[in-house]
Structure formats: C-alpha cells, structure tokens
Amino acid sequence: WIQSVYVAPPARQRGLYRALHDEVRKRALEEGTVVGLRLYVASENHRAMEVYRRVGMSETPYRLFEEEL
C-alpha cells in the first residue's frame, strides 16, 4: 500500500515516478492477485495527471466523498 507520492521539485523530470510505478506494477503482476493500481489526485494537479497518463493510467468516472470528524 502506497499512501502518497511526492517528488520534490529539484528531483522532478528525471523519471523517478515512472521508475517507482514500473517497479510497483512489476511486483503486482508477479504477485498474481493484484487486479489494478489506483491513484487519487487533486483535481487541480494537472501535472501529476499527465504523468499518470504517460505511464499508461487512465482517468475514471469515480468521485471521492468523505466526512471529516
């Protein structure tokens, strides 16, 4: 379970997220019981969404609802 991913600005555009994603994907396929990978992203974080698209992920129609207590 990976809760959050953040790449510091000086380290961006070096393929760090792609490397992490590729490794997680590889291990998930090897496990054989994982059915997919899911990411939550802030609706205004267009840069991250583009990165996710480039590694082969696609947007879904799901919306997140929560109640803070």
N, C-alpha and C. Protein backbone atom coordinates (compact mmCIF):
# COMPACT_ATOMS: atom_id res chain seq x y z
N TRP A 1 0.86 -1.17 0.00
CA TRP A 1 0.00 0.00 0.00
C TRP A 1 0.89 1.22 0.00
N ILE A 2 0.73 2.06 -0.98
CA ILE A 2 1.46 3.33 -1.04
C ILE A 2 0.41 4.42 -0.85
N GLN A 3 0.54 5.18 0.21
CA GLN A 3 -0.46 6.18 0.53
C GLN A 3 -0.30 7.45 -0.31
N SER A 4 0.91 7.95 -0.40
CA SER A 4 1.13 9.21 -1.11
C SER A 4 2.44 9.15 -1.87
N VAL A 5 2.47 9.89 -2.97
CA VAL A 5 3.70 10.00 -3.76
C VAL A 5 3.98 11.48 -3.94
N TYR A 6 5.19 11.88 -3.64
CA TYR A 6 5.59 13.27 -3.83
C TYR A 6 7.04 13.28 -4.28
N VAL A 7 7.29 13.98 -5.38
CA VAL A 7 8.66 14.14 -5.86
C VAL A 7 9.01 15.62 -5.66
N ALA A 8 10.06 15.88 -4.91
CA ALA A 8 10.48 17.25 -4.64
C ALA A 8 10.83 17.96 -5.96
N PRO A 9 10.52 19.24 -6.06
CA PRO A 9 10.76 19.97 -7.31
C PRO A 9 12.16 19.79 -7.92
N PRO A 10 13.24 19.83 -7.12
CA PRO A 10 14.55 19.67 -7.76
C PRO A 10 14.78 18.28 -8.38
N ALA A 11 13.98 17.30 -7.97
CA ALA A 11 14.16 15.93 -8.47
C ALA A 11 13.17 15.57 -9.59
N ARG A 12 12.32 16.49 -9.97
CA ARG A 12 11.31 16.20 -10.99
C ARG A 12 11.92 16.12 -12.38
N GLN A 13 11.18 15.50 -13.26
CA GLN A 13 11.56 15.32 -14.67
C GLN A 13 12.83 14.48 -14.83
N ARG A 14 13.01 13.54 -13.93
CA ARG A 14 14.14 12.61 -14.00
C ARG A 14 13.68 11.16 -14.08
N GLY A 15 12.38 10.97 -14.20
CA GLY A 15 11.85 9.61 -14.33
C GLY A 15 11.68 8.87 -13.02
N LEU A 16 11.70 9.58 -11.89
CA LEU A 16 11.58 8.91 -10.60
C LEU A 16 10.21 8.27 -10.42
N TYR A 17 9.15 9.00 -10.75
CA TYR A 17 7.83 8.40 -10.58
C TYR A 17 7.66 7.22 -11.53
N ARG A 18 8.11 7.37 -12.77
CA ARG A 18 7.99 6.26 -13.72
C ARG A 18 8.70 5.01 -13.20
N ALA A 19 9.89 5.19 -12.64
CA ALA A 19 10.64 4.05 -12.10
C ALA A 19 9.87 3.40 -10.94
N LEU A 20 9.31 4.21 -10.05
CA LEU A 20 8.52 3.68 -8.94
C LEU A 20 7.29 2.94 -9.47
N HIS A 21 6.58 3.57 -10.38
CA HIS A 21 5.37 2.96 -10.95
C HIS A 21 5.70 1.63 -11.63
N ASP A 22 6.76 1.63 -12.43
CA ASP A 22 7.14 0.40 -13.14
C ASP A 22 7.47 -0.73 -12.16
N GLU A 23 8.16 -0.40 -11.07
CA GLU A 23 8.51 -1.43 -10.09
C GLU A 23 7.27 -1.95 -9.35
N VAL A 24 6.40 -1.05 -8.95
CA VAL A 24 5.16 -1.46 -8.28
C VAL A 24 4.31 -2.31 -9.22
N ARG A 25 4.21 -1.90 -10.48
CA ARG A 25 3.44 -2.66 -11.47
C ARG A 25 4.03 -4.05 -11.67
N LYS A 26 5.34 -4.12 -11.79
CA LYS A 26 6.02 -5.40 -11.97
C LYS A 26 5.74 -6.34 -10.80
N ARG A 27 5.87 -5.82 -9.59
CA ARG A 27 5.63 -6.65 -8.40
C ARG A 27 4.17 -7.08 -8.30
N ALA A 28 3.27 -6.19 -8.67
CA ALA A 28 1.84 -6.53 -8.64
C ALA A 28 1.55 -7.66 -9.61
N LEU A 29 2.12 -7.59 -10.80
CA LEU A 29 1.92 -8.66 -11.79
C LEU A 29 2.52 -9.97 -11.30
N GLU A 30 3.69 -9.90 -10.68
CA GLU A 30 4.34 -11.11 -10.15
C GLU A 30 3.50 -11.73 -9.03
N GLU A 31 2.88 -10.90 -8.22
CA GLU A 31 2.05 -11.38 -7.11
C GLU A 31 0.89 -12.22 -7.64
N GLY A 32 0.31 -11.75 -8.71
CA GLY A 32 -0.75 -12.51 -9.35
C GLY A 32 -2.14 -12.31 -8.79
N THR A 33 -2.26 -11.66 -7.65
CA THR A 33 -3.59 -11.45 -7.05
C THR A 33 -4.03 -9.99 -7.10
N VAL A 34 -3.17 -9.12 -7.56
CA VAL A 34 -3.50 -7.69 -7.66
C VAL A 34 -4.26 -7.48 -8.96
N VAL A 35 -5.39 -6.79 -8.89
CA VAL A 35 -6.22 -6.60 -10.08
C VAL A 35 -6.08 -5.22 -10.70
N GLY A 36 -5.38 -4.31 -10.04
CA GLY A 36 -5.21 -2.98 -10.62
C GLY A 36 -4.46 -2.06 -9.70
N LEU A 37 -4.12 -0.92 -10.24
CA LEU A 37 -3.45 0.15 -9.48
C LEU A 37 -4.37 1.36 -9.51
N ARG A 38 -4.50 2.04 -8.39
CA ARG A 38 -5.38 3.20 -8.31
C ARG A 38 -4.65 4.34 -7.62
N LEU A 39 -4.83 5.53 -8.16
CA LEU A 39 -4.25 6.73 -7.57
C LEU A 39 -5.35 7.76 -7.35
N TYR A 40 -5.24 8.48 -6.27
CA TYR A 40 -6.10 9.64 -6.04
C TYR A 40 -5.25 10.87 -6.28
N VAL A 41 -5.82 11.85 -6.97
CA VAL A 41 -5.07 13.05 -7.30
C VAL A 41 -6.00 14.26 -7.17
N ALA A 42 -5.45 15.35 -6.66
CA ALA A 42 -6.24 16.58 -6.53
C ALA A 42 -6.67 17.04 -7.92
N SER A 43 -7.91 17.51 -8.04
CA SER A 43 -8.46 17.86 -9.35
C SER A 43 -7.68 18.97 -10.05
N GLU A 44 -6.94 19.76 -9.30
CA GLU A 44 -6.16 20.84 -9.93
C GLU A 44 -4.71 20.43 -10.22
N ASN A 45 -4.35 19.21 -9.91
CA ASN A 45 -2.96 18.76 -10.10
C ASN A 45 -2.80 18.16 -11.50
N HIS A 46 -2.88 19.02 -12.50
CA HIS A 46 -2.83 18.59 -13.90
C HIS A 46 -1.48 18.00 -14.27
N ARG A 47 -0.43 18.50 -13.69
CA ARG A 47 0.90 17.98 -13.99
C ARG A 47 1.02 16.50 -13.59
N ALA A 48 0.54 16.18 -12.40
CA ALA A 48 0.57 14.78 -11.96
C ALA A 48 -0.31 13.91 -12.85
N MET A 49 -1.48 14.41 -13.22
CA MET A 49 -2.38 13.63 -14.07
C MET A 49 -1.72 13.30 -15.40
N GLU A 50 -0.98 14.24 -15.95
CA GLU A 50 -0.28 13.99 -17.21
C GLU A 50 0.79 12.91 -17.03
N VAL A 51 1.50 12.95 -15.92
CA VAL A 51 2.49 11.91 -15.63
C VAL A 51 1.81 10.55 -15.55
N TYR A 52 0.68 10.47 -14.86
CA TYR A 52 -0.03 9.21 -14.72
C TYR A 52 -0.51 8.69 -16.07
N ARG A 53 -0.96 9.60 -16.93
CA ARG A 53 -1.37 9.18 -18.28
C ARG A 53 -0.18 8.62 -19.07
N ARG A 54 0.96 9.26 -18.92
CA ARG A 54 2.15 8.82 -19.67
C ARG A 54 2.62 7.43 -19.26
N VAL A 55 2.33 6.99 -18.04
CA VAL A 55 2.73 5.64 -17.64
C VAL A 55 1.62 4.62 -17.94
N GLY A 56 0.55 5.06 -18.60
CA GLY A 56 -0.48 4.13 -19.04
C GLY A 56 -1.75 4.10 -18.22
N MET A 57 -1.87 4.98 -17.24
CA MET A 57 -3.08 5.01 -16.42
C MET A 57 -4.12 5.88 -17.13
N SER A 58 -5.38 5.68 -16.79
CA SER A 58 -6.44 6.49 -17.39
C SER A 58 -7.39 6.97 -16.30
N GLU A 59 -8.03 8.09 -16.59
CA GLU A 59 -8.97 8.69 -15.64
C GLU A 59 -10.23 7.83 -15.56
N THR A 60 -10.82 7.78 -14.38
CA THR A 60 -12.06 7.01 -14.18
C THR A 60 -13.19 7.98 -13.82
N PRO A 61 -14.43 7.51 -13.87
CA PRO A 61 -15.55 8.37 -13.51
C PRO A 61 -15.79 8.47 -12.00
N TYR A 62 -14.97 7.82 -11.18
CA TYR A 62 -15.19 7.83 -9.74
C TYR A 62 -14.93 9.20 -9.14
N ARG A 63 -15.71 9.54 -8.13
CA ARG A 63 -15.51 10.75 -7.33
C ARG A 63 -15.29 10.31 -5.89
N LEU A 64 -14.54 11.09 -5.15
CA LEU A 64 -14.24 10.78 -3.76
C LEU A 64 -15.16 11.59 -2.85
N PHE A 65 -15.79 10.91 -1.90
CA PHE A 65 -16.61 11.57 -0.88
C PHE A 65 -16.01 11.26 0.47
N GLU A 66 -16.05 12.21 1.37
CA GLU A 66 -15.54 11.97 2.71
C GLU A 66 -16.27 12.85 3.70
N GLU A 67 -16.14 12.50 4.95
CA GLU A 67 -16.69 13.30 6.04
C GLU A 67 -15.62 13.41 7.10
N GLU A 68 -15.14 14.61 7.33
CA GLU A 68 -14.14 14.82 8.38
C GLU A 68 -14.86 15.00 9.70
N LEU A 69 -14.33 14.38 10.73
CA LEU A 69 -14.95 14.47 12.06
C LEU A 69 -14.02 15.17 13.03
